[in-house]
Protein backbone atom coordinates (compact mmCIF):
# COMPACT_ATOMS: atom_id res chain seq x y z
CA UNK A 1 126.81 -267.38 -111.14
CA UNK A 2 128.94 -265.05 -109.04
CA UNK A 3 132.70 -264.69 -109.31
CA UNK A 4 133.36 -266.89 -106.31
CA UNK A 5 130.68 -269.41 -107.15
CA UNK A 6 130.80 -272.76 -108.90
CA UNK A 7 131.63 -273.19 -112.55
CA UNK A 8 128.82 -273.15 -115.10
CA UNK A 9 128.46 -275.87 -117.74
CA UNK A 10 127.88 -274.91 -121.35
CA UNK A 11 126.24 -277.35 -123.74
CA UNK A 12 127.94 -277.35 -127.15
CA UNK A 13 125.75 -277.60 -130.22
CA UNK A 14 126.16 -280.71 -132.30
CA UNK A 15 126.39 -279.03 -135.71
CA UNK A 16 129.19 -276.43 -135.57
CA UNK A 17 132.83 -275.83 -134.87
CA UNK A 18 135.59 -277.80 -133.22
CA UNK A 19 134.19 -278.05 -129.71
CA UNK A 20 132.53 -281.37 -130.40
CA UNK A 21 135.78 -283.18 -129.61
CA UNK A 22 136.39 -281.06 -126.51
CA UNK A 23 135.25 -281.50 -122.95
CA UNK A 24 132.21 -279.55 -121.81
CA UNK A 25 133.35 -275.90 -121.50
CA UNK A 26 133.19 -274.28 -118.06
CA UNK A 27 132.82 -270.66 -116.93
CA UNK A 28 134.95 -269.79 -113.92
CA UNK A 29 136.63 -266.79 -112.30
CA UNK A 30 139.77 -265.47 -114.00
CA UNK A 31 143.11 -266.34 -112.42
CA UNK A 32 146.51 -264.76 -113.15
CA UNK A 33 147.53 -268.01 -114.88
CA UNK A 34 144.94 -267.12 -117.59
CA UNK A 35 146.60 -263.78 -118.43
CA UNK A 36 148.46 -264.77 -121.61
CA UNK A 37 145.47 -266.71 -122.98
CA UNK A 38 143.09 -263.82 -122.33
CA UNK A 39 145.47 -261.28 -123.88
CA UNK A 40 145.83 -263.54 -126.95
CA UNK A 41 142.05 -263.24 -127.50
CA UNK A 42 142.03 -259.43 -127.13
CA UNK A 43 142.61 -258.66 -130.85
CA UNK A 44 139.09 -259.96 -131.60
CA UNK A 45 137.86 -256.73 -130.03
CA UNK A 46 139.12 -254.85 -133.09
CA UNK A 47 136.38 -256.40 -135.24
CA UNK A 48 133.66 -254.00 -136.31
CA UNK A 49 135.61 -250.82 -135.58
CA UNK A 50 135.06 -248.04 -138.12
CA UNK A 51 137.41 -248.43 -141.09
CA UNK A 52 138.75 -244.88 -140.77
CA UNK A 53 140.23 -245.62 -137.33
CA UNK A 54 143.97 -246.43 -137.23
CA UNK A 55 144.14 -250.25 -136.87
CA UNK A 56 147.39 -250.17 -134.87
CA UNK A 57 145.97 -247.61 -132.45
CA UNK A 58 142.76 -249.63 -132.12
CA UNK A 59 144.72 -252.80 -131.33
CA UNK A 60 146.84 -250.97 -128.76
CA UNK A 61 143.68 -249.59 -127.15
CA UNK A 62 141.83 -252.90 -126.90
CA UNK A 63 144.85 -254.72 -125.49
CA UNK A 64 145.19 -251.89 -122.97
CA UNK A 65 141.51 -252.23 -121.99
CA UNK A 66 141.90 -255.95 -121.43
CA UNK A 67 145.10 -255.50 -119.42
CA UNK A 68 143.35 -252.92 -117.24
CA UNK A 69 140.36 -255.17 -116.73
CA UNK A 70 142.34 -258.25 -115.78
CA UNK A 71 144.60 -256.19 -113.51
CA UNK A 72 141.41 -255.09 -111.68
CA UNK A 73 140.19 -258.68 -111.26
CA UNK A 74 139.38 -259.32 -107.64
CA UNK A 75 138.46 -255.72 -106.87
CA UNK A 76 134.99 -255.45 -105.32
CA UNK A 77 133.22 -253.80 -108.29
CA UNK A 78 134.97 -255.78 -111.06
CA UNK A 79 134.27 -259.19 -112.54
CA UNK A 80 136.48 -261.19 -114.88
CA UNK A 81 135.39 -264.66 -115.98
CA UNK A 82 136.89 -267.13 -118.44
CA UNK A 83 135.35 -270.01 -120.35
CA UNK A 84 137.67 -273.01 -120.63
CA UNK A 85 137.64 -276.29 -122.53
CA UNK A 86 140.34 -278.95 -122.70
CA UNK A 87 142.57 -276.86 -120.48
CA UNK A 88 142.51 -273.77 -122.66
CA UNK A 89 140.71 -270.46 -122.45
CA UNK A 90 138.06 -270.23 -125.19
CA UNK A 91 136.45 -266.97 -124.07
CA UNK A 92 136.31 -264.27 -121.43
CA UNK A 93 134.15 -261.45 -120.17
CA UNK A 94 134.88 -258.44 -117.98
CA UNK A 95 132.33 -256.33 -116.17
CA UNK A 96 132.22 -253.60 -113.61
CA UNK A 97 129.66 -251.66 -111.68
CA UNK A 98 128.96 -248.42 -113.55
CA UNK A 99 126.72 -245.46 -112.81
CA UNK A 100 124.53 -244.49 -115.76
CA UNK A 101 124.22 -240.76 -116.46
CA UNK A 102 120.56 -241.01 -115.39
CA UNK A 103 121.63 -242.05 -111.89
CA UNK A 104 121.06 -245.81 -111.82
CA UNK A 105 123.82 -248.37 -111.44
CA UNK A 106 124.42 -251.00 -114.12
CA UNK A 107 126.82 -253.84 -114.76
CA UNK A 108 128.89 -252.68 -117.71
CA UNK A 109 130.49 -255.36 -119.89
CA UNK A 110 133.81 -253.92 -120.98
CA UNK A 111 134.96 -256.88 -123.04
CA UNK A 112 133.41 -260.12 -124.27
CA UNK A 113 135.44 -262.40 -126.52
CA UNK A 114 134.98 -265.97 -127.73
CA UNK A 115 137.71 -267.82 -129.61
CA UNK A 116 136.63 -268.16 -133.27
CA UNK A 117 137.03 -271.96 -133.05
CA UNK A 118 134.51 -272.02 -130.20
CA UNK A 119 131.83 -269.71 -131.61
CA UNK A 120 128.27 -270.93 -131.89
CA UNK A 121 128.38 -273.19 -128.84
CA UNK A 122 126.70 -270.96 -126.27
CA UNK A 123 129.91 -269.69 -124.70
CA UNK A 124 129.16 -266.00 -125.26
CA UNK A 125 125.65 -266.45 -123.92
CA UNK A 126 126.94 -268.29 -120.84
CA UNK A 127 129.46 -265.55 -120.14
CA UNK A 128 126.78 -262.85 -120.48
CA UNK A 129 124.38 -264.89 -118.31
CA UNK A 130 127.08 -265.09 -115.62
CA UNK A 131 127.42 -261.29 -115.70
CA UNK A 132 123.63 -261.03 -115.48
CA UNK A 133 123.62 -263.20 -112.35
CA UNK A 134 126.46 -261.14 -110.84
CA UNK A 135 124.46 -257.96 -111.53
CA UNK A 136 121.30 -259.41 -109.96
CA UNK A 137 123.16 -260.35 -106.78
CA UNK A 138 124.49 -256.78 -106.62
CA UNK A 139 120.95 -255.37 -107.20
CA UNK A 140 122.04 -253.47 -110.31
CA UNK A 141 119.45 -252.15 -112.75
CA UNK A 142 120.74 -253.49 -116.07
CA UNK A 143 123.63 -255.04 -117.96
CA UNK A 144 125.01 -252.67 -120.60
CA UNK A 145 127.78 -252.77 -123.19
CA UNK A 146 129.01 -251.10 -126.34
CA UNK A 147 130.02 -252.57 -129.68
CA UNK A 148 131.01 -251.18 -133.07
CA UNK A 149 128.18 -250.14 -135.37
CA UNK A 150 129.83 -252.13 -138.17
CA UNK A 151 130.01 -255.27 -136.03
CA UNK A 152 126.78 -256.74 -137.39
CA UNK A 153 127.54 -260.21 -136.06
CA UNK A 154 127.98 -258.99 -132.47
CA UNK A 155 124.93 -256.72 -132.72
CA UNK A 156 122.86 -259.66 -133.94
CA UNK A 157 124.13 -261.83 -131.08
CA UNK A 158 123.29 -259.20 -128.48
CA UNK A 159 119.83 -258.60 -129.94
CA UNK A 160 119.16 -262.36 -129.94
CA UNK A 161 119.90 -262.60 -126.21
CA UNK A 162 117.72 -259.64 -125.24
CA UNK A 163 119.83 -256.50 -125.50
CA UNK A 164 118.19 -253.38 -126.97
CA UNK A 165 120.10 -250.54 -128.59
CA UNK A 166 119.98 -247.52 -126.30
CA UNK A 167 122.48 -244.94 -127.60
CA UNK A 168 123.95 -244.13 -131.01
CA UNK A 169 127.30 -242.39 -131.49
CA UNK A 170 127.66 -240.40 -134.71
CA UNK A 171 131.00 -239.36 -136.20
CA UNK A 172 131.86 -236.96 -139.00
CA UNK A 173 135.37 -237.37 -140.36
CA UNK A 174 137.53 -234.30 -140.93
């Protein structure tokens, strides 16, 4: 799916969460009317950050990233999609074209968030698949992202949908 394309249906599982009573979620391009809902989901991006990092500074940073990404929505090399159900935003993804240090161009997922009440229903996978399709149309070489080393749940999700760990950042506290 490309940003200006049709919405994408997501099939909820029958054994988890609160989506069973909701309409079939849809993935569609972000609109400015989604801003408050997307920003309300931004704090989920603090999960899995190293415990020695200042939580207030981390929250300020992730909200700033999301603001920057949604403000860039509509620019040629940026993608912002939301997943909605029953008239509410239950997830979002942002991506942009990014040059890898080796020279190739990738689609870089800056943020991917699913509302905790909607987890386990294929929303994250559908959002990533939509980025994948956007990257293919743009003839990019890969879809890349970063997540916290302590975010075992996210790392397991990404591994399950075909991502391989490429880089490792090491930190020594002072």
